Amino acid sequence: MVLDITEALFQVDASGVPFRSFRPGVGPYGEPQLLKLIAAQLNLLPKYKGQVVIRRNPDLLIPDQWAIEFKIARPFGDNGKEAEN
């Protein structure tokens, strides 16, 4: 599962689609927007059979398999400066 999420993040990052006016990549996405894209990528994999859903709690749910909570950590902002938190 962790490798599948990693691959999904890689696919979103490599897509070149920017979030709003920021540079392309996963960095600027908010948690809800990024989780939606991760779930969409996972649902393309036959082993999940399109069952991956996003929720408020847990963030990502695969019924009878996984319930995962996500937290985004950003060391730097889009401008290359250190993040505030």
PDB file of N, CA and C in Angstrom:
ATOM      1  N   MET A   1       0.817  -1.192   0.000  1.00  0.00           N
ATOM      2  CA  MET A   1       0.000   0.000   0.000  1.00  0.00           C
ATOM      3  C   MET A   1       0.863   1.259   0.000  1.00  0.00           C
ATOM      4  N   VAL A   2       1.878   1.281   0.823  1.00  0.00           N
ATOM      5  CA  VAL A   2       2.744   2.463   0.897  1.00  0.00           C
ATOM      6  C   VAL A   2       3.416   2.721  -0.452  1.00  0.00           C
ATOM      7  N   LEU A   3       3.865   1.658  -1.102  1.00  0.00           N
ATOM      8  CA  LEU A   3       4.489   1.827  -2.421  1.00  0.00           C
ATOM      9  C   LEU A   3       3.474   2.319  -3.451  1.00  0.00           C
ATOM     10  N   ASP A   4       2.240   1.878  -3.333  1.00  0.00           N
ATOM     11  CA  ASP A   4       1.200   2.343  -4.253  1.00  0.00           C
ATOM     12  C   ASP A   4       0.914   3.828  -4.049  1.00  0.00           C
ATOM     13  N   ILE A   5       0.887   4.270  -2.802  1.00  0.00           N
ATOM     14  CA  ILE A   5       0.677   5.695  -2.516  1.00  0.00           C
ATOM     15  C   ILE A   5       1.862   6.510  -3.027  1.00  0.00           C
ATOM     16  N   THR A   6       3.059   5.983  -2.824  1.00  0.00           N
ATOM     17  CA  THR A   6       4.262   6.656  -3.323  1.00  0.00           C
ATOM     18  C   THR A   6       4.200   6.807  -4.842  1.00  0.00           C
ATOM     19  N   GLU A   7       3.802   5.741  -5.522  1.00  0.00           N
ATOM     20  CA  GLU A   7       3.689   5.792  -6.984  1.00  0.00           C
ATOM     21  C   GLU A   7       2.598   6.774  -7.412  1.00  0.00           C
ATOM     22  N   ALA A   8       1.487   6.808  -6.672  1.00  0.00           N
ATOM     23  CA  ALA A   8       0.409   7.753  -6.986  1.00  0.00           C
ATOM     24  C   ALA A   8       0.906   9.191  -6.842  1.00  0.00           C
ATOM     25  N   LEU A   9       1.654   9.469  -5.784  1.00  0.00           N
ATOM     26  CA  LEU A   9       2.230  10.809  -5.608  1.00  0.00           C
ATOM     27  C   LEU A   9       3.178  11.152  -6.748  1.00  0.00           C
ATOM     28  N   PHE A  10       3.978  10.179  -7.146  1.00  0.00           N
ATOM     29  CA  PHE A  10       4.908  10.386  -8.256  1.00  0.00           C
ATOM     30  C   PHE A  10       4.135  10.720  -9.530  1.00  0.00           C
ATOM     31  N   GLN A  11       3.063   9.992  -9.801  1.00  0.00           N
ATOM     32  CA  GLN A  11       2.260  10.225 -11.005  1.00  0.00           C
ATOM     33  C   GLN A  11       1.636  11.626 -10.993  1.00  0.00           C
ATOM     34  N   VAL A  12       1.113  12.028  -9.848  1.00  0.00           N
ATOM     35  CA  VAL A  12       0.520  13.368  -9.735  1.00  0.00           C
ATOM     36  C   VAL A  12       1.609  14.429  -9.936  1.00  0.00           C
ATOM     37  N   ASP A  13       2.757  14.221  -9.308  1.00  0.00           N
ATOM     38  CA  ASP A  13       3.850  15.173  -9.419  1.00  0.00           C
ATOM     39  C   ASP A  13       4.354  15.279 -10.859  1.00  0.00           C
ATOM     40  N   ALA A  14       4.462  14.139 -11.533  1.00  0.00           N
ATOM     41  CA  ALA A  14       4.994  14.099 -12.894  1.00  0.00           C
ATOM     42  C   ALA A  14       3.984  14.582 -13.942  1.00  0.00           C
ATOM     43  N   SER A  15       2.729  14.726 -13.565  1.00  0.00           N
ATOM     44  CA  SER A  15       1.704  15.113 -14.536  1.00  0.00           C
ATOM     45  C   SER A  15       1.929  16.525 -15.089  1.00  0.00           C
ATOM     46  N   GLY A  16       2.628  17.363 -14.334  1.00  0.00           N
ATOM     47  CA  GLY A  16       2.898  18.721 -14.788  1.00  0.00           C
ATOM     48  C   GLY A  16       1.719  19.670 -14.644  1.00  0.00           C
ATOM     49  N   VAL A  17       0.667  19.203 -13.958  1.00  0.00           N
ATOM     50  CA  VAL A  17      -0.516  20.042 -13.763  1.00  0.00           C
ATOM     51  C   VAL A  17      -0.295  20.919 -12.527  1.00  0.00           C
ATOM     52  N   PRO A  18      -0.283  22.246 -12.698  1.00  0.00           N
ATOM     53  CA  PRO A  18      -0.087  23.114 -11.540  1.00  0.00           C
ATOM     54  C   PRO A  18      -1.364  23.255 -10.718  1.00  0.00           C
ATOM     55  N   PHE A  19      -1.204  23.511  -9.446  1.00  0.00           N
ATOM     56  CA  PHE A  19      -2.327  23.806  -8.564  1.00  0.00           C
ATOM     57  C   PHE A  19      -2.442  25.319  -8.462  1.00  0.00           C
ATOM     58  N   ARG A  20      -3.564  25.836  -8.925  1.00  0.00           N
ATOM     59  CA  ARG A  20      -3.813  27.282  -8.988  1.00  0.00           C
ATOM     60  C   ARG A  20      -2.682  27.972  -9.732  1.00  0.00           C
ATOM     61  N   SER A  21      -2.074  28.972  -9.131  1.00  0.00           N
ATOM     62  CA  SER A  21      -1.018  29.716  -9.827  1.00  0.00           C
ATOM     63  C   SER A  21       0.385  29.289  -9.403  1.00  0.00           C
ATOM     64  N   PHE A  22       0.477  28.157  -8.717  1.00  0.00           N
ATOM     65  CA  PHE A  22       1.775  27.683  -8.243  1.00  0.00           C
ATOM     66  C   PHE A  22       2.480  26.854  -9.308  1.00  0.00           C
ATOM     67  N   ARG A  23       3.703  26.518  -9.029  1.00  0.00           N
ATOM     68  CA  ARG A  23       4.477  25.666  -9.933  1.00  0.00           C
ATOM     69  C   ARG A  23       3.869  24.264  -9.977  1.00  0.00           C
ATOM     70  N   PRO A  24       4.082  23.540 -11.081  1.00  0.00           N
ATOM     71  CA  PRO A  24       3.573  22.166 -11.157  1.00  0.00           C
ATOM     72  C   PRO A  24       4.206  21.273 -10.097  1.00  0.00           C
ATOM     73  N   GLY A  25       3.472  20.262  -9.695  1.00  0.00           N
ATOM     74  CA  GLY A  25       3.963  19.300  -8.716  1.00  0.00           C
ATOM     75  C   GLY A  25       3.009  19.176  -7.551  1.00  0.00           C
ATOM     76  N   VAL A  26       3.263  18.217  -6.669  1.00  0.00           N
ATOM     77  CA  VAL A  26       2.358  17.951  -5.544  1.00  0.00           C
ATOM     78  C   VAL A  26       2.491  18.966  -4.420  1.00  0.00           C
ATOM     79  N   GLY A  27       3.588  19.681  -4.352  1.00  0.00           N
ATOM     80  CA  GLY A  27       3.864  20.580  -3.241  1.00  0.00           C
ATOM     81  C   GLY A  27       2.766  21.549  -2.846  1.00  0.00           C
ATOM     82  N   PRO A  28       2.184  22.298  -3.775  1.00  0.00           N
ATOM     83  CA  PRO A  28       1.205  23.318  -3.385  1.00  0.00           C
ATOM     84  C   PRO A  28      -0.199  22.803  -3.059  1.00  0.00           C
ATOM     85  N   TYR A  29      -0.504  21.567  -3.419  1.00  0.00           N
ATOM     86  CA  TYR A  29      -1.863  21.071  -3.189  1.00  0.00           C
ATOM     87  C   TYR A  29      -2.208  21.043  -1.710  1.00  0.00           C
ATOM     88  N   GLY A  30      -3.454  21.377  -1.409  1.00  0.00           N
ATOM     89  CA  GLY A  30      -3.966  21.200  -0.064  1.00  0.00           C
ATOM     90  C   GLY A  30      -4.256  19.725   0.164  1.00  0.00           C
ATOM     91  N   GLU A  31      -4.423  19.342   1.411  1.00  0.00           N
ATOM     92  CA  GLU A  31      -4.657  17.934   1.728  1.00  0.00           C
ATOM     93  C   GLU A  31      -5.883  17.363   1.005  1.00  0.00           C
ATOM     94  N   PRO A  32      -7.036  18.033   1.026  1.00  0.00           N
ATOM     95  CA  PRO A  32      -8.199  17.439   0.343  1.00  0.00           C
ATOM     96  C   PRO A  32      -7.993  17.259  -1.165  1.00  0.00           C
ATOM     97  N   GLN A  33      -7.365  18.248  -1.807  1.00  0.00           N
ATOM     98  CA  GLN A  33      -7.139  18.178  -3.240  1.00  0.00           C
ATOM     99  C   GLN A  33      -6.144  17.064  -3.588  1.00  0.00           C
ATOM    100  N   LEU A  34      -5.089  16.950  -2.800  1.00  0.00           N
ATOM    101  CA  LEU A  34      -4.077  15.934  -3.053  1.00  0.00           C
ATOM    102  C   LEU A  34      -4.633  14.530  -2.804  1.00  0.00           C
ATOM    103  N   LEU A  35      -5.415  14.368  -1.741  1.00  0.00           N
ATOM    104  CA  LEU A  35      -6.001  13.057  -1.461  1.00  0.00           C
ATOM    105  C   LEU A  35      -6.952  12.621  -2.568  1.00  0.00           C
ATOM    106  N   LYS A  36      -7.675  13.554  -3.141  1.00  0.00           N
ATOM    107  CA  LYS A  36      -8.576  13.228  -4.247  1.00  0.00           C
ATOM    108  C   LYS A  36      -7.780  12.671  -5.430  1.00  0.00           C
ATOM    109  N   LEU A  37      -6.636  13.285  -5.722  1.00  0.00           N
ATOM    110  CA  LEU A  37      -5.798  12.826  -6.827  1.00  0.00           C
ATOM    111  C   LEU A  37      -5.139  11.484  -6.524  1.00  0.00           C
ATOM    112  N   ILE A  38      -4.716  11.283  -5.278  1.00  0.00           N
ATOM    113  CA  ILE A  38      -4.129  10.003  -4.875  1.00  0.00           C
ATOM    114  C   ILE A  38      -5.173   8.888  -5.012  1.00  0.00           C
ATOM    115  N   ALA A  39      -6.377   9.135  -4.509  1.00  0.00           N
ATOM    116  CA  ALA A  39      -7.444   8.135  -4.595  1.00  0.00           C
ATOM    117  C   ALA A  39      -7.749   7.797  -6.047  1.00  0.00           C
ATOM    118  N   ALA A  40      -7.773   8.796  -6.908  1.00  0.00           N
ATOM    119  CA  ALA A  40      -8.051   8.558  -8.327  1.00  0.00           C
ATOM    120  C   ALA A  40      -6.977   7.659  -8.944  1.00  0.00           C
ATOM    121  N   GLN A  41      -5.717   7.905  -8.602  1.00  0.00           N
ATOM    122  CA  GLN A  41      -4.625   7.072  -9.121  1.00  0.00           C
ATOM    123  C   GLN A  41      -4.726   5.647  -8.592  1.00  0.00           C
ATOM    124  N   LEU A  42      -5.008   5.499  -7.295  1.00  0.00           N
ATOM    125  CA  LEU A  42      -5.121   4.161  -6.712  1.00  0.00           C
ATOM    126  C   LEU A  42      -6.286   3.388  -7.319  1.00  0.00           C
ATOM    127  N   ASN A  43      -7.368   4.086  -7.619  1.00  0.00           N
ATOM    128  CA  ASN A  43      -8.540   3.421  -8.194  1.00  0.00           C
ATOM    129  C   ASN A  43      -8.294   2.911  -9.615  1.00  0.00           C
ATOM    130  N   LEU A  44      -7.229   3.350 -10.242  1.00  0.00           N
ATOM    131  CA  LEU A  44      -6.859   2.825 -11.555  1.00  0.00           C
ATOM    132  C   LEU A  44      -6.205   1.456 -11.453  1.00  0.00           C
ATOM    133  N   LEU A  45      -5.722   1.104 -10.260  1.00  0.00           N
ATOM    134  CA  LEU A  45      -5.047  -0.180 -10.065  1.00  0.00           C
ATOM    135  C   LEU A  45      -6.070  -1.295  -9.848  1.00  0.00           C
ATOM    136  N   PRO A  46      -5.933  -2.401 -10.572  1.00  0.00           N
ATOM    137  CA  PRO A  46      -6.910  -3.495 -10.452  1.00  0.00           C
ATOM    138  C   PRO A  46      -7.081  -4.042  -9.033  1.00  0.00           C
ATOM    139  N   LYS A  47      -6.030  -4.035  -8.232  1.00  0.00           N
ATOM    140  CA  LYS A  47      -6.150  -4.647  -6.904  1.00  0.00           C
ATOM    141  C   LYS A  47      -7.056  -3.860  -5.953  1.00  0.00           C
ATOM    142  N   TYR A  48      -7.326  -2.594  -6.255  1.00  0.00           N
ATOM    143  CA  TYR A  48      -8.222  -1.806  -5.398  1.00  0.00           C
ATOM    144  C   TYR A  48      -9.645  -1.748  -5.948  1.00  0.00           C
ATOM    145  N   LYS A  49      -9.822  -2.191  -7.175  1.00  0.00           N
ATOM    146  CA  LYS A  49     -11.151  -2.352  -7.778  1.00  0.00           C
ATOM    147  C   LYS A  49     -12.019  -1.096  -7.680  1.00  0.00           C
ATOM    148  N   GLY A  50     -11.393   0.075  -7.700  1.00  0.00           N
ATOM    149  CA  GLY A  50     -12.163   1.319  -7.643  1.00  0.00           C
ATOM    150  C   GLY A  50     -12.821   1.586  -6.302  1.00  0.00           C
ATOM    151  N   GLN A  51     -12.371   0.927  -5.235  1.00  0.00           N
ATOM    152  CA  GLN A  51     -12.997   1.054  -3.920  1.00  0.00           C
ATOM    153  C   GLN A  51     -12.377   2.116  -3.026  1.00  0.00           C
ATOM    154  N   VAL A  52     -11.290   2.741  -3.457  1.00  0.00           N
ATOM    155  CA  VAL A  52     -10.620   3.748  -2.633  1.00  0.00           C
ATOM    156  C   VAL A  52     -11.486   5.003  -2.572  1.00  0.00           C
ATOM    157  N   VAL A  53     -11.789   5.437  -1.354  1.00  0.00           N
ATOM    158  CA  VAL A  53     -12.596   6.643  -1.169  1.00  0.00           C
ATOM    159  C   VAL A  53     -11.912   7.576  -0.181  1.00  0.00           C
ATOM    160  N   ILE A  54     -12.213   8.867  -0.305  1.00  0.00           N
ATOM    161  CA  ILE A  54     -11.690   9.831   0.653  1.00  0.00           C
ATOM    162  C   ILE A  54     -12.823  10.217   1.600  1.00  0.00           C
ATOM    163  N   ARG A  55     -12.460  10.424   2.846  1.00  0.00           N
ATOM    164  CA  ARG A  55     -13.409  10.755   3.902  1.00  0.00           C
ATOM    165  C   ARG A  55     -12.796  11.828   4.791  1.00  0.00           C
ATOM    166  N   ARG A  56     -13.597  12.289   5.720  1.00  0.00           N
ATOM    167  CA  ARG A  56     -13.062  13.216   6.731  1.00  0.00           C
ATOM    168  C   ARG A  56     -12.234  12.461   7.759  1.00  0.00           C
ATOM    169  N   ASN A  57     -12.709  11.275   8.124  1.00  0.00           N
ATOM    170  CA  ASN A  57     -12.001  10.479   9.118  1.00  0.00           C
ATOM    171  C   ASN A  57     -12.301   9.015   8.871  1.00  0.00           C
ATOM    172  N   PRO A  58     -11.408   8.205   8.410  1.00  0.00           N
ATOM    173  CA  PRO A  58     -10.028   8.502   8.027  1.00  0.00           C
ATOM    174  C   PRO A  58      -9.992   9.211   6.675  1.00  0.00           C
ATOM    175  N   ASP A  59      -8.834   9.777   6.370  1.00  0.00           N
ATOM    176  CA  ASP A  59      -8.691  10.518   5.124  1.00  0.00           C
ATOM    177  C   ASP A  59      -8.895   9.639   3.892  1.00  0.00           C
ATOM    178  N   LEU A  60      -8.322   8.460   3.925  1.00  0.00           N
ATOM    179  CA  LEU A  60      -8.404   7.557   2.784  1.00  0.00           C
ATOM    180  C   LEU A  60      -8.836   6.191   3.294  1.00  0.00           C
ATOM    181  N   LEU A  61      -9.844   5.636   2.664  1.00  0.00           N
ATOM    182  CA  LEU A  61     -10.402   4.370   3.113  1.00  0.00           C
ATOM    183  C   LEU A  61     -10.472   3.377   1.966  1.00  0.00           C
ATOM    184  N   ILE A  62      -9.944   2.180   2.223  1.00  0.00           N
ATOM    185  CA  ILE A  62     -10.119   1.049   1.335  1.00  0.00           C
ATOM    186  C   ILE A  62     -10.869   0.016   2.175  1.00  0.00           C
ATOM    187  N   PRO A  63     -12.177  -0.131   1.942  1.00  0.00           N
ATOM    188  CA  PRO A  63     -13.000  -0.989   2.802  1.00  0.00           C
ATOM    189  C   PRO A  63     -12.389  -2.372   3.015  1.00  0.00           C
ATOM    190  N   ASP A  64     -12.412  -2.780   4.273  1.00  0.00           N
ATOM    191  CA  ASP A  64     -11.907  -4.098   4.705  1.00  0.00           C
ATOM    192  C   ASP A  64     -10.414  -4.295   4.491  1.00  0.00           C
ATOM    193  N   GLN A  65      -9.676  -3.188   4.197  1.00  0.00           N
ATOM    194  CA  GLN A  65      -8.228  -3.301   4.004  1.00  0.00           C
ATOM    195  C   GLN A  65      -7.448  -2.252   4.791  1.00  0.00           C
ATOM    196  N   TRP A  66      -7.689  -0.975   4.483  1.00  0.00           N
ATOM    197  CA  TRP A  66      -6.894   0.105   5.064  1.00  0.00           C
ATOM    198  C   TRP A  66      -7.759   1.300   5.421  1.00  0.00           C
ATOM    199  N   ALA A  67      -7.361   1.979   6.489  1.00  0.00           N
ATOM    200  CA  ALA A  67      -7.905   3.280   6.871  1.00  0.00           C
ATOM    201  C   ALA A  67      -6.680   4.141   7.194  1.00  0.00           C
ATOM    202  N   ILE A  68      -6.445   5.166   6.395  1.00  0.00           N
ATOM    203  CA  ILE A  68      -5.200   5.923   6.504  1.00  0.00           C
ATOM    204  C   ILE A  68      -5.481   7.399   6.727  1.00  0.00           C
ATOM    205  N   GLU A  69      -4.764   7.985   7.674  1.00  0.00           N
ATOM    206  CA  GLU A  69      -4.823   9.424   7.962  1.00  0.00           C
ATOM    207  C   GLU A  69      -3.557  10.056   7.390  1.00  0.00           C
ATOM    208  N   PHE A  70      -3.696  11.156   6.668  1.00  0.00           N
ATOM    209  CA  PHE A  70      -2.569  11.845   6.043  1.00  0.00           C
ATOM    210  C   PHE A  70      -2.312  13.190   6.715  1.00  0.00           C
ATOM    211  N   LYS A  71      -1.052  13.586   6.738  1.00  0.00           N
ATOM    212  CA  LYS A  71      -0.640  14.920   7.162  1.00  0.00           C
ATOM    213  C   LYS A  71       0.413  15.411   6.185  1.00  0.00           C
ATOM    214  N   ILE A  72       0.248  16.621   5.713  1.00  0.00           N
ATOM    215  CA  ILE A  72       1.196  17.195   4.766  1.00  0.00           C
ATOM    216  C   ILE A  72       2.245  18.000   5.533  1.00  0.00           C
ATOM    217  N   ALA A  73       3.498  17.773   5.183  1.00  0.00           N
ATOM    218  CA  ALA A  73       4.606  18.533   5.767  1.00  0.00           C
ATOM    219  C   ALA A  73       5.345  19.216   4.618  1.00  0.00           C
ATOM    220  N   ARG A  74       5.491  20.534   4.726  1.00  0.00           N
ATOM    221  CA  ARG A  74       6.176  21.302   3.685  1.00  0.00           C
ATOM    222  C   ARG A  74       7.345  22.065   4.300  1.00  0.00           C
ATOM    223  N   PRO A  75       8.563  21.638   4.013  1.00  0.00           N
ATOM    224  CA  PRO A  75       9.702  22.375   4.572  1.00  0.00           C
ATOM    225  C   PRO A  75       9.936  23.719   3.879  1.00  0.00           C
ATOM    226  N   PHE A  76       9.503  23.837   2.609  1.00  0.00           N
ATOM    227  CA  PHE A  76       9.730  25.066   1.859  1.00  0.00           C
ATOM    228  C   PHE A  76       8.468  25.462   1.103  1.00  0.00           C
ATOM    229  N   GLY A  77       8.279  26.754   0.913  1.00  0.00           N
ATOM    230  CA  GLY A  77       7.158  27.258   0.137  1.00  0.00           C
ATOM    231  C   GLY A  77       7.485  27.246  -1.342  1.00  0.00           C
ATOM    232  N   ASP A  78       6.529  27.662  -2.164  1.00  0.00           N
ATOM    233  CA  ASP A  78       6.706  27.685  -3.620  1.00  0.00           C
ATOM    234  C   ASP A  78       7.795  28.672  -4.034  1.00  0.00           C
ATOM    235  N   ASN A  79       8.085  29.632  -3.174  1.00  0.00           N
ATOM    236  CA  ASN A  79       9.118  30.635  -3.469  1.00  0.00           C
ATOM    237  C   ASN A  79      10.516  30.187  -3.048  1.00  0.00           C
ATOM    238  N   GLY A  80      10.627  28.962  -2.519  1.00  0.00           N
ATOM    239  CA  GLY A  80      11.929  28.441  -2.112  1.00  0.00           C
ATOM    240  C   GLY A  80      12.332  28.829  -0.706  1.00  0.00           C
ATOM    241  N   LYS A  81      11.532  29.652  -0.030  1.00  0.00           N
ATOM    242  CA  LYS A  81      11.840  30.046   1.337  1.00  0.00           C
ATOM    243  C   LYS A  81      11.274  29.027   2.314  1.00  0.00           C
ATOM    244  N   GLU A  82      11.883  28.969   3.497  1.00  0.00           N
ATOM    245  CA  GLU A  82      11.403  28.033   4.513  1.00  0.00           C
ATOM    246  C   GLU A  82       9.947  28.315   4.852  1.00  0.00           C
ATOM    247  N   ALA A  83       9.185  27.236   5.058  1.00  0.00           N
ATOM    248  CA  ALA A  83       7.783  27.371   5.412  1.00  0.00           C
ATOM    249  C   ALA A  83       7.668  27.922   6.835  1.00  0.00           C
ATOM    250  N   GLU A  84       6.522  28.529   7.109  1.00  0.00           N
ATOM    251  CA  GLU A  84       6.315  29.153   8.417  1.00  0.00           C
ATOM    252  C   GLU A  84       6.173  28.142   9.539  1.00  0.00           C
ATOM    253  N   ASN A  85       5.633  26.962   9.240  1.00  0.00           N
ATOM    254  CA  ASN A  85       5.425  25.981  10.321  1.00  0.00           C
ATOM    255  C   ASN A  85       6.177  24.715  10.095  1.00  0.00           C
TER     256      ASN A  85
END
